[in-house]
Amino acid sequence: VQLVESGGGLVQPGGSLRLSCAASGFPFRWYSITWYRRAPGKERELVATITSTGGSTYYTDSVKGRFTISRDNAKNTVYLQMNTLEPEDTAVYYCYAPIGSSEGSWGQGTQVTVSS
């Protein structure tokens, strides 16, 4: 099982980024995928989840209306479109799949920094 995040970077407040999570080594289309983030000095936080077919999504309150999670099962990839970014969104963003071990599998993370 491998999950590889990309798309992070430095962006000004109000800007946008699109994160990608490329998956391999498991039947991607069968599994929900979740984006988490960990900000400096804070606990890991669930950001958004998408079901296996993409038919249902969930967002934490702080990102509702600004972030959109989507997936392309033909490309084994999940996306997180982040708009109207705020300094409070600064964190390392990880994707997670509930497979590969009793605790699931994680990517290495991608840094998002929102600063002027």
C-alpha atoms as a PDB file:
ATOM      1  CA  VAL A   1       0.000   0.000   0.000  1.00  0.00           C
ATOM      2  CA  GLN A   2       1.356   3.397  -0.963  1.00  0.00           C
ATOM      3  CA  LEU A   3      -0.152   6.859  -0.660  1.00  0.00           C
ATOM      4  CA  VAL A   4       1.749   9.829  -2.058  1.00  0.00           C
ATOM      5  CA  GLU A   5       0.574  13.380  -1.425  1.00  0.00           C
ATOM      6  CA  SER A   6       1.562  16.347  -3.555  1.00  0.00           C
ATOM      7  CA  GLY A   7       0.498  19.890  -4.306  1.00  0.00           C
ATOM      8  CA  GLY A   8       1.393  21.651  -1.098  1.00  0.00           C
ATOM      9  CA  GLY A   9       3.255  24.924  -0.931  1.00  0.00           C
ATOM     10  CA  LEU A  10       3.254  28.517   0.218  1.00  0.00           C
ATOM     11  CA  VAL A  11       0.191  30.590  -0.611  1.00  0.00           C
ATOM     12  CA  GLN A  12      -1.133  33.964   0.492  1.00  0.00           C
ATOM     13  CA  PRO A  13      -4.326  34.235   2.535  1.00  0.00           C
ATOM     14  CA  GLY A  14      -7.317  33.992   0.235  1.00  0.00           C
ATOM     15  CA  GLY A  15      -5.417  31.867  -2.234  1.00  0.00           C
ATOM     16  CA  SER A  16      -6.012  28.333  -3.467  1.00  0.00           C
ATOM     17  CA  LEU A  17      -4.172  25.040  -3.681  1.00  0.00           C
ATOM     18  CA  ARG A  18      -5.115  21.597  -4.931  1.00  0.00           C
ATOM     19  CA  LEU A  19      -3.654  18.626  -3.137  1.00  0.00           C
ATOM     20  CA  SER A  20      -3.430  15.194  -4.723  1.00  0.00           C
ATOM     21  CA  CYS A  21      -3.131  11.769  -3.126  1.00  0.00           C
ATOM     22  CA  ALA A  22      -1.956   9.070  -5.523  1.00  0.00           C
ATOM     23  CA  ALA A  23      -2.665   5.543  -4.322  1.00  0.00           C
ATOM     24  CA  SER A  24      -1.244   2.187  -5.311  1.00  0.00           C
ATOM     25  CA  GLY A  25      -0.975  -1.371  -4.045  1.00  0.00           C
ATOM     26  CA  PHE A  26      -4.608  -1.913  -3.144  1.00  0.00           C
ATOM     27  CA  PRO A  27      -8.072  -1.873  -4.798  1.00  0.00           C
ATOM     28  CA  PHE A  28      -8.459   1.869  -4.506  1.00  0.00           C
ATOM     29  CA  ARG A  29     -12.038   2.024  -5.763  1.00  0.00           C
ATOM     30  CA  TRP A  30     -13.263  -0.066  -2.843  1.00  0.00           C
ATOM     31  CA  TYR A  31     -12.084   2.256  -0.088  1.00  0.00           C
ATOM     32  CA  SER A  32     -13.009   5.587   1.396  1.00  0.00           C
ATOM     33  CA  ILE A  33     -10.131   8.044   1.620  1.00  0.00           C
ATOM     34  CA  THR A  34      -9.656  10.731   4.241  1.00  0.00           C
ATOM     35  CA  TRP A  35      -7.536  13.882   4.360  1.00  0.00           C
ATOM     36  CA  TYR A  36      -6.105  14.797   7.764  1.00  0.00           C
ATOM     37  CA  ARG A  37      -3.897  17.659   8.810  1.00  0.00           C
ATOM     38  CA  ARG A  38      -1.571  18.408  11.682  1.00  0.00           C
ATOM     39  CA  ALA A  39      -0.764  22.006  12.511  1.00  0.00           C
ATOM     40  CA  PRO A  40       2.264  22.944  14.615  1.00  0.00           C
ATOM     41  CA  GLY A  41       1.566  22.278  18.275  1.00  0.00           C
ATOM     42  CA  LYS A  42      -1.860  20.805  17.588  1.00  0.00           C
ATOM     43  CA  GLU A  43      -3.343  17.349  17.360  1.00  0.00           C
ATOM     44  CA  ARG A  44      -4.097  15.671  14.062  1.00  0.00           C
ATOM     45  CA  GLU A  45      -7.457  16.781  12.654  1.00  0.00           C
ATOM     46  CA  LEU A  46      -9.773  15.090  10.176  1.00  0.00           C
ATOM     47  CA  VAL A  47     -10.374  17.491   7.281  1.00  0.00           C
ATOM     48  CA  ALA A  48     -12.512  15.638   4.741  1.00  0.00           C
ATOM     49  CA  THR A  49     -13.602  12.134   3.765  1.00  0.00           C
ATOM     50  CA  ILE A  50     -14.917  10.702   0.532  1.00  0.00           C
ATOM     51  CA  THR A  51     -16.611   7.328   0.128  1.00  0.00           C
ATOM     52  CA  SER A  52     -15.400   4.675  -2.296  1.00  0.00           C
ATOM     53  CA  THR A  53     -17.683   5.751  -5.130  1.00  0.00           C
ATOM     54  CA  GLY A  54     -17.414   9.449  -4.366  1.00  0.00           C
ATOM     55  CA  GLY A  55     -21.120   9.572  -3.690  1.00  0.00           C
ATOM     56  CA  SER A  56     -20.788  10.938  -0.189  1.00  0.00           C
ATOM     57  CA  THR A  57     -18.422  13.386   1.431  1.00  0.00           C
ATOM     58  CA  TYR A  58     -17.834  14.798   4.898  1.00  0.00           C
ATOM     59  CA  TYR A  59     -16.040  17.981   5.957  1.00  0.00           C
ATOM     60  CA  THR A  60     -14.997  19.343   9.278  1.00  0.00           C
ATOM     61  CA  ASP A  61     -16.854  22.555  10.061  1.00  0.00           C
ATOM     62  CA  SER A  62     -13.873  24.858   9.664  1.00  0.00           C
ATOM     63  CA  VAL A  63     -13.406  23.995   5.976  1.00  0.00           C
ATOM     64  CA  LYS A  64     -17.013  23.648   4.825  1.00  0.00           C
ATOM     65  CA  GLY A  65     -17.699  25.844   1.830  1.00  0.00           C
ATOM     66  CA  ARG A  66     -13.969  26.356   1.165  1.00  0.00           C
ATOM     67  CA  PHE A  67     -12.584  22.855   0.564  1.00  0.00           C
ATOM     68  CA  THR A  68     -13.812  20.191  -1.843  1.00  0.00           C
ATOM     69  CA  ILE A  69     -12.745  16.557  -1.794  1.00  0.00           C
ATOM     70  CA  SER A  70     -13.081  14.486  -4.954  1.00  0.00           C
ATOM     71  CA  ARG A  71     -11.672  11.326  -6.482  1.00  0.00           C
ATOM     72  CA  ASP A  72     -10.865   9.797  -9.843  1.00  0.00           C
ATOM     73  CA  ASN A  73     -11.008   6.033  -9.480  1.00  0.00           C
ATOM     74  CA  ALA A  74      -9.599   5.570 -12.979  1.00  0.00           C
ATOM     75  CA  LYS A  75      -6.446   7.394 -11.841  1.00  0.00           C
ATOM     76  CA  ASN A  76      -6.379   6.028  -8.262  1.00  0.00           C
ATOM     77  CA  THR A  77      -6.209   9.594  -7.026  1.00  0.00           C
ATOM     78  CA  VAL A  78      -8.039  11.715  -4.477  1.00  0.00           C
ATOM     79  CA  TYR A  79      -7.961  15.493  -4.588  1.00  0.00           C
ATOM     80  CA  LEU A  80      -8.492  18.238  -2.053  1.00  0.00           C
ATOM     81  CA  GLN A  81      -9.308  21.588  -3.620  1.00  0.00           C
ATOM     82  CA  MET A  82      -8.663  24.291  -1.053  1.00  0.00           C
ATOM     83  CA  ASN A  83      -9.993  27.771  -1.684  1.00  0.00           C
ATOM     84  CA  THR A  84     -10.036  30.943   0.375  1.00  0.00           C
ATOM     85  CA  LEU A  85      -7.149  29.660   2.432  1.00  0.00           C
ATOM     86  CA  GLU A  86      -6.550  31.096   5.871  1.00  0.00           C
ATOM     87  CA  PRO A  87      -3.415  31.150   8.037  1.00  0.00           C
ATOM     88  CA  GLU A  88      -5.200  28.663  10.299  1.00  0.00           C
ATOM     89  CA  ASP A  89      -5.081  26.138   7.434  1.00  0.00           C
ATOM     90  CA  THR A  90      -1.296  25.959   7.729  1.00  0.00           C
ATOM     91  CA  ALA A  91      -0.436  22.332   8.443  1.00  0.00           C
ATOM     92  CA  VAL A  92       0.995  19.155   7.052  1.00  0.00           C
ATOM     93  CA  TYR A  93      -1.769  17.415   5.114  1.00  0.00           C
ATOM     94  CA  TYR A  94      -1.939  13.628   4.988  1.00  0.00           C
ATOM     95  CA  CYS A  95      -4.156  11.171   3.165  1.00  0.00           C
ATOM     96  CA  TYR A  96      -5.315   8.005   4.848  1.00  0.00           C
ATOM     97  CA  ALA A  97      -6.797   4.712   3.673  1.00  0.00           C
ATOM     98  CA  PRO A  98      -8.281   2.097   6.021  1.00  0.00           C
ATOM     99  CA  ILE A  99      -6.148  -0.741   4.671  1.00  0.00           C
ATOM    100  CA  GLY A 100      -2.676  -2.182   5.033  1.00  0.00           C
ATOM    101  CA  SER A 101      -2.563  -2.640   8.789  1.00  0.00           C
ATOM    102  CA  SER A 102      -4.814  -2.526  11.819  1.00  0.00           C
ATOM    103  CA  GLU A 103      -4.235   1.238  11.849  1.00  0.00           C
ATOM    104  CA  GLY A 104      -4.607   1.782   8.119  1.00  0.00           C
ATOM    105  CA  SER A 105      -2.081   3.458   5.823  1.00  0.00           C
ATOM    106  CA  TRP A 106      -0.768   7.001   5.658  1.00  0.00           C
ATOM    107  CA  GLY A 107       1.102   9.057   3.126  1.00  0.00           C
ATOM    108  CA  GLN A 108       4.220  11.041   3.957  1.00  0.00           C
ATOM    109  CA  GLY A 109       2.353  14.341   4.019  1.00  0.00           C
ATOM    110  CA  THR A 110       2.577  17.613   2.120  1.00  0.00           C
ATOM    111  CA  GLN A 111       3.189  20.980   3.762  1.00  0.00           C
ATOM    112  CA  VAL A 112       0.681  23.783   3.255  1.00  0.00           C
ATOM    113  CA  THR A 113       1.700  27.211   4.487  1.00  0.00           C
ATOM    114  CA  VAL A 114      -0.701  30.148   4.301  1.00  0.00           C
ATOM    115  CA  SER A 115       1.109  33.399   4.937  1.00  0.00           C
ATOM    116  CA  SER A 116       1.533  36.863   3.523  1.00  0.00           C
END
